């Protein structure tokens, strides 16, 4: 999976950077939002908890997708602005703790 960022815009009103990118995934399945988020965190040198991948739209018939992500200045800004379902899809699932058997 390769990510090519083609637009990066500063949005001072919402204290964030808005990023548009292409994802090439030749020979692979469409990447999951969390996989794309991890790669963006590394590319942008940002903290994992302030990056949100808003959407990924695969192109029909080719291994390429258009994506939109936001990098907030603080976690508080992110939680204030983003909807709960967007935050949920960008959060890794927590494994339920196994109860000890008696």
N, C-alpha and C. Protein backbone atom coordinates (compact mmCIF):
# COMPACT_ATOMS: atom_id res chain seq x y z
N UNK A 1 0.85 -1.19 0.00
CA UNK A 1 0.00 0.00 0.00
C UNK A 1 0.89 1.24 0.00
N UNK A 2 0.62 2.13 -0.95
CA UNK A 2 1.36 3.38 -1.05
C UNK A 2 0.39 4.54 -0.92
N UNK A 3 0.78 5.58 -0.19
CA UNK A 3 -0.06 6.76 -0.03
C UNK A 3 0.64 7.94 -0.67
N UNK A 4 -0.12 8.65 -1.54
CA UNK A 4 0.40 9.83 -2.23
C UNK A 4 -0.47 11.02 -1.83
N UNK A 5 0.09 11.92 -1.02
CA UNK A 5 -0.64 13.12 -0.56
C UNK A 5 -0.56 14.16 -1.67
N UNK A 6 -1.73 14.61 -2.17
CA UNK A 6 -1.71 15.59 -3.24
C UNK A 6 -2.25 16.95 -2.82
N UNK A 7 -2.85 17.05 -1.64
CA UNK A 7 -3.30 18.35 -1.17
C UNK A 7 -3.24 18.39 0.36
N UNK A 8 -2.66 19.46 0.89
CA UNK A 8 -2.57 19.64 2.34
C UNK A 8 -2.94 21.10 2.62
N UNK A 9 -4.01 21.29 3.36
CA UNK A 9 -4.54 22.63 3.58
C UNK A 9 -4.70 22.89 5.08
N UNK A 10 -4.29 24.06 5.52
CA UNK A 10 -4.43 24.47 6.92
C UNK A 10 -5.82 25.08 7.12
N UNK A 11 -6.55 24.59 8.13
CA UNK A 11 -7.87 25.14 8.45
C UNK A 11 -7.78 25.71 9.87
N UNK A 12 -7.51 27.00 9.97
CA UNK A 12 -7.30 27.64 11.28
C UNK A 12 -8.58 27.70 12.10
N UNK A 13 -9.74 27.76 11.45
CA UNK A 13 -11.01 27.83 12.15
C UNK A 13 -11.23 26.61 13.03
N UNK A 14 -10.86 25.42 12.50
CA UNK A 14 -11.06 24.18 13.23
C UNK A 14 -9.77 23.64 13.86
N UNK A 15 -8.69 24.40 13.79
CA UNK A 15 -7.39 23.99 14.35
C UNK A 15 -6.95 22.62 13.81
N UNK A 16 -6.93 22.51 12.48
CA UNK A 16 -6.54 21.23 11.89
C UNK A 16 -5.94 21.44 10.50
N UNK A 17 -5.25 20.38 10.03
CA UNK A 17 -4.78 20.29 8.66
C UNK A 17 -5.69 19.30 7.95
N UNK A 18 -6.11 19.65 6.74
CA UNK A 18 -6.95 18.75 5.96
C UNK A 18 -6.11 18.18 4.83
N UNK A 19 -6.15 16.87 4.69
CA UNK A 19 -5.26 16.19 3.76
C UNK A 19 -6.08 15.33 2.80
N UNK A 20 -5.79 15.49 1.51
CA UNK A 20 -6.39 14.63 0.49
C UNK A 20 -5.27 13.79 -0.09
N UNK A 21 -5.57 12.51 -0.31
CA UNK A 21 -4.52 11.59 -0.74
C UNK A 21 -5.10 10.46 -1.59
N UNK A 22 -4.20 9.83 -2.34
CA UNK A 22 -4.53 8.61 -3.08
C UNK A 22 -3.86 7.44 -2.39
N UNK A 23 -4.54 6.31 -2.38
CA UNK A 23 -3.97 5.08 -1.84
C UNK A 23 -3.88 4.10 -3.00
N UNK A 24 -2.69 3.60 -3.29
CA UNK A 24 -2.50 2.55 -4.29
C UNK A 24 -2.30 1.25 -3.54
N UNK A 25 -3.10 0.25 -3.90
CA UNK A 25 -3.00 -1.04 -3.22
C UNK A 25 -3.03 -2.18 -4.23
N UNK A 26 -2.16 -2.09 -5.22
CA UNK A 26 -2.08 -3.08 -6.29
C UNK A 26 -1.79 -4.47 -5.73
N UNK A 27 -2.63 -5.44 -6.06
CA UNK A 27 -2.43 -6.81 -5.62
C UNK A 27 -2.87 -7.07 -4.19
N UNK A 28 -3.52 -6.11 -3.54
CA UNK A 28 -3.97 -6.27 -2.16
C UNK A 28 -5.46 -5.98 -2.09
N UNK A 29 -6.05 -6.33 -0.96
CA UNK A 29 -7.44 -5.96 -0.71
C UNK A 29 -7.50 -4.47 -0.38
N UNK A 30 -8.69 -3.88 -0.48
CA UNK A 30 -8.83 -2.47 -0.12
C UNK A 30 -8.40 -2.31 1.34
N UNK A 31 -7.48 -1.41 1.61
CA UNK A 31 -6.96 -1.27 2.98
C UNK A 31 -8.02 -0.75 3.95
N UNK A 32 -7.90 -1.17 5.19
CA UNK A 32 -8.82 -0.73 6.24
C UNK A 32 -8.45 0.70 6.67
N UNK A 33 -9.42 1.39 7.24
CA UNK A 33 -9.22 2.78 7.69
C UNK A 33 -8.06 2.84 8.69
N UNK A 34 -7.99 1.88 9.61
CA UNK A 34 -6.93 1.91 10.63
C UNK A 34 -5.54 1.70 10.03
N UNK A 35 -5.46 0.88 8.96
CA UNK A 35 -4.17 0.68 8.29
C UNK A 35 -3.72 1.98 7.60
N UNK A 36 -4.67 2.65 6.96
CA UNK A 36 -4.37 3.92 6.29
C UNK A 36 -3.96 4.96 7.33
N UNK A 37 -4.68 4.98 8.46
CA UNK A 37 -4.36 5.93 9.52
C UNK A 37 -2.93 5.72 10.04
N UNK A 38 -2.55 4.47 10.26
CA UNK A 38 -1.19 4.17 10.75
C UNK A 38 -0.13 4.66 9.78
N UNK A 39 -0.37 4.45 8.49
CA UNK A 39 0.59 4.89 7.47
C UNK A 39 0.66 6.42 7.41
N UNK A 40 -0.50 7.09 7.52
CA UNK A 40 -0.51 8.56 7.51
C UNK A 40 0.22 9.13 8.73
N UNK A 41 0.03 8.51 9.89
CA UNK A 41 0.70 8.96 11.10
C UNK A 41 2.22 8.95 10.88
N UNK A 42 2.71 7.89 10.26
CA UNK A 42 4.14 7.79 9.99
C UNK A 42 4.59 8.83 8.95
N UNK A 43 3.81 8.99 7.88
CA UNK A 43 4.17 9.94 6.82
C UNK A 43 4.16 11.39 7.30
N UNK A 44 3.18 11.74 8.13
CA UNK A 44 3.02 13.12 8.57
C UNK A 44 3.76 13.43 9.87
N UNK A 45 4.33 12.38 10.47
CA UNK A 45 5.03 12.54 11.74
C UNK A 45 4.11 13.18 12.78
N UNK A 46 2.89 12.62 12.89
CA UNK A 46 1.88 13.15 13.80
C UNK A 46 1.56 12.12 14.88
N UNK A 47 0.86 12.56 15.91
CA UNK A 47 0.43 11.65 16.96
C UNK A 47 -0.80 10.89 16.49
N UNK A 48 -0.87 9.63 16.87
CA UNK A 48 -1.96 8.76 16.43
C UNK A 48 -3.33 9.24 16.89
N UNK A 49 -3.41 9.85 18.07
CA UNK A 49 -4.71 10.23 18.62
C UNK A 49 -5.25 11.56 18.10
N UNK A 50 -4.52 12.26 17.21
CA UNK A 50 -5.04 13.51 16.63
C UNK A 50 -5.30 13.39 15.12
N UNK A 51 -5.13 12.19 14.57
CA UNK A 51 -5.37 11.95 13.14
C UNK A 51 -6.69 11.21 12.97
N UNK A 52 -7.50 11.70 12.02
CA UNK A 52 -8.79 11.06 11.71
C UNK A 52 -8.87 10.86 10.20
N UNK A 53 -9.09 9.61 9.78
CA UNK A 53 -9.35 9.35 8.36
C UNK A 53 -10.85 9.46 8.19
N UNK A 54 -11.29 10.49 7.46
CA UNK A 54 -12.72 10.77 7.32
C UNK A 54 -13.38 9.80 6.35
N UNK A 55 -12.81 9.62 5.17
CA UNK A 55 -13.38 8.67 4.22
C UNK A 55 -12.35 8.18 3.24
N UNK A 56 -12.65 7.00 2.67
CA UNK A 56 -11.82 6.39 1.64
C UNK A 56 -12.79 5.89 0.56
N UNK A 57 -12.60 6.39 -0.66
CA UNK A 57 -13.50 6.03 -1.76
C UNK A 57 -12.71 5.28 -2.83
N UNK A 58 -12.91 3.95 -2.89
CA UNK A 58 -12.21 3.17 -3.92
C UNK A 58 -12.68 3.55 -5.33
N UNK A 59 -11.76 3.55 -6.29
CA UNK A 59 -12.10 3.77 -7.69
C UNK A 59 -12.61 2.44 -8.24
N UNK A 60 -13.63 2.50 -9.04
CA UNK A 60 -14.20 1.28 -9.60
C UNK A 60 -13.23 0.65 -10.60
N UNK A 61 -12.95 -0.63 -10.40
CA UNK A 61 -12.16 -1.38 -11.35
C UNK A 61 -10.66 -1.18 -11.31
N UNK A 62 -10.16 -0.42 -10.36
CA UNK A 62 -8.71 -0.26 -10.26
C UNK A 62 -8.29 -0.22 -8.79
N UNK A 63 -7.07 -0.67 -8.51
CA UNK A 63 -6.61 -0.72 -7.12
C UNK A 63 -6.15 0.63 -6.60
N UNK A 64 -7.05 1.59 -6.58
CA UNK A 64 -6.72 2.95 -6.16
C UNK A 64 -7.92 3.52 -5.42
N UNK A 65 -7.66 4.34 -4.41
CA UNK A 65 -8.75 4.97 -3.67
C UNK A 65 -8.38 6.41 -3.36
N UNK A 66 -9.41 7.25 -3.28
CA UNK A 66 -9.24 8.64 -2.90
C UNK A 66 -9.60 8.77 -1.43
N UNK A 67 -8.78 9.45 -0.65
CA UNK A 67 -9.04 9.56 0.78
C UNK A 67 -8.95 10.99 1.28
N UNK A 68 -9.59 11.19 2.43
CA UNK A 68 -9.61 12.51 3.08
C UNK A 68 -9.36 12.30 4.56
N UNK A 69 -8.37 13.00 5.10
CA UNK A 69 -8.01 12.87 6.51
C UNK A 69 -7.83 14.25 7.13
N UNK A 70 -7.91 14.28 8.48
CA UNK A 70 -7.73 15.54 9.20
C UNK A 70 -6.75 15.30 10.34
N UNK A 71 -5.85 16.26 10.53
CA UNK A 71 -4.88 16.20 11.63
C UNK A 71 -5.14 17.40 12.53
N UNK A 72 -5.64 17.15 13.72
CA UNK A 72 -5.99 18.21 14.66
C UNK A 72 -4.79 18.63 15.49
N UNK A 73 -4.86 19.86 16.01
CA UNK A 73 -3.79 20.36 16.88
C UNK A 73 -3.80 19.65 18.23
N UNK A 74 -5.01 19.40 18.77
CA UNK A 74 -5.12 18.74 20.07
C UNK A 74 -6.24 17.70 20.04
N UNK A 75 -6.20 16.78 20.99
CA UNK A 75 -7.24 15.76 21.13
C UNK A 75 -8.57 16.42 21.50
N UNK A 76 -8.52 17.49 22.28
CA UNK A 76 -9.74 18.19 22.68
C UNK A 76 -10.46 18.77 21.47
N UNK A 77 -9.71 19.36 20.53
CA UNK A 77 -10.31 19.88 19.30
C UNK A 77 -10.98 18.76 18.52
N UNK A 78 -10.30 17.65 18.40
CA UNK A 78 -10.84 16.51 17.67
C UNK A 78 -12.15 16.04 18.29
N UNK A 79 -12.16 15.85 19.60
CA UNK A 79 -13.36 15.34 20.28
C UNK A 79 -14.51 16.34 20.23
N UNK A 80 -14.21 17.62 20.19
CA UNK A 80 -15.25 18.65 20.15
C UNK A 80 -15.91 18.73 18.77
N UNK A 81 -15.11 18.55 17.70
CA UNK A 81 -15.60 18.76 16.34
C UNK A 81 -16.11 17.48 15.68
N UNK A 82 -15.40 16.39 15.81
CA UNK A 82 -15.77 15.16 15.10
C UNK A 82 -16.98 14.46 15.72
N UNK A 83 -17.75 13.79 14.86
CA UNK A 83 -18.90 13.02 15.34
C UNK A 83 -18.42 11.71 15.96
N UNK A 84 -19.28 11.13 16.79
CA UNK A 84 -18.89 9.91 17.52
C UNK A 84 -18.57 8.75 16.58
N UNK A 85 -19.34 8.61 15.49
CA UNK A 85 -19.09 7.46 14.61
C UNK A 85 -17.78 7.60 13.84
N UNK A 86 -17.35 8.82 13.54
CA UNK A 86 -16.06 9.01 12.87
C UNK A 86 -14.93 8.69 13.84
N UNK A 87 -15.08 9.11 15.07
CA UNK A 87 -14.07 8.79 16.10
C UNK A 87 -14.02 7.28 16.32
N UNK A 88 -15.19 6.64 16.35
CA UNK A 88 -15.26 5.19 16.59
C UNK A 88 -14.57 4.40 15.48
N UNK A 89 -14.77 4.80 14.22
CA UNK A 89 -14.15 4.04 13.14
C UNK A 89 -12.64 4.27 13.05
N UNK A 90 -12.14 5.31 13.73
CA UNK A 90 -10.71 5.59 13.76
C UNK A 90 -10.04 5.11 15.04
N UNK A 91 -10.79 4.38 15.87
CA UNK A 91 -10.27 3.87 17.12
C UNK A 91 -10.11 2.36 17.02
N UNK A 92 -8.98 1.88 17.48
CA UNK A 92 -8.75 0.44 17.45
C UNK A 92 -9.65 -0.24 18.47
N UNK A 93 -10.17 -1.39 18.08
CA UNK A 93 -11.04 -2.15 18.97
C UNK A 93 -10.23 -2.65 20.16
N UNK A 94 -10.81 -2.52 21.33
CA UNK A 94 -10.15 -2.98 22.55
C UNK A 94 -10.59 -4.41 22.82
N UNK A 95 -9.62 -5.25 23.01
CA UNK A 95 -9.95 -6.65 23.29
C UNK A 95 -10.61 -6.76 24.66
N UNK A 96 -11.76 -7.46 24.75
CA UNK A 96 -12.38 -7.61 26.06
C UNK A 96 -11.50 -8.47 26.98
N UNK A 97 -11.40 -8.05 28.21
CA UNK A 97 -10.58 -8.79 29.17
C UNK A 97 -11.27 -10.11 29.49
N UNK A 98 -10.49 -11.16 29.51
CA UNK A 98 -11.07 -12.47 29.81
C UNK A 98 -11.24 -12.61 31.32
N UNK A 99 -12.44 -12.99 31.70
CA UNK A 99 -12.69 -13.21 33.13
C UNK A 99 -12.02 -14.50 33.55
N UNK A 100 -11.47 -14.47 34.75
CA UNK A 100 -10.82 -15.67 35.25
C UNK A 100 -11.87 -16.68 35.64
N UNK A 101 -11.65 -17.91 35.22
CA UNK A 101 -12.64 -18.95 35.53
C UNK A 101 -12.41 -19.46 36.95
N UNK A 102 -13.53 -19.75 37.59
CA UNK A 102 -13.43 -20.21 38.98
C UNK A 102 -13.65 -21.69 39.08
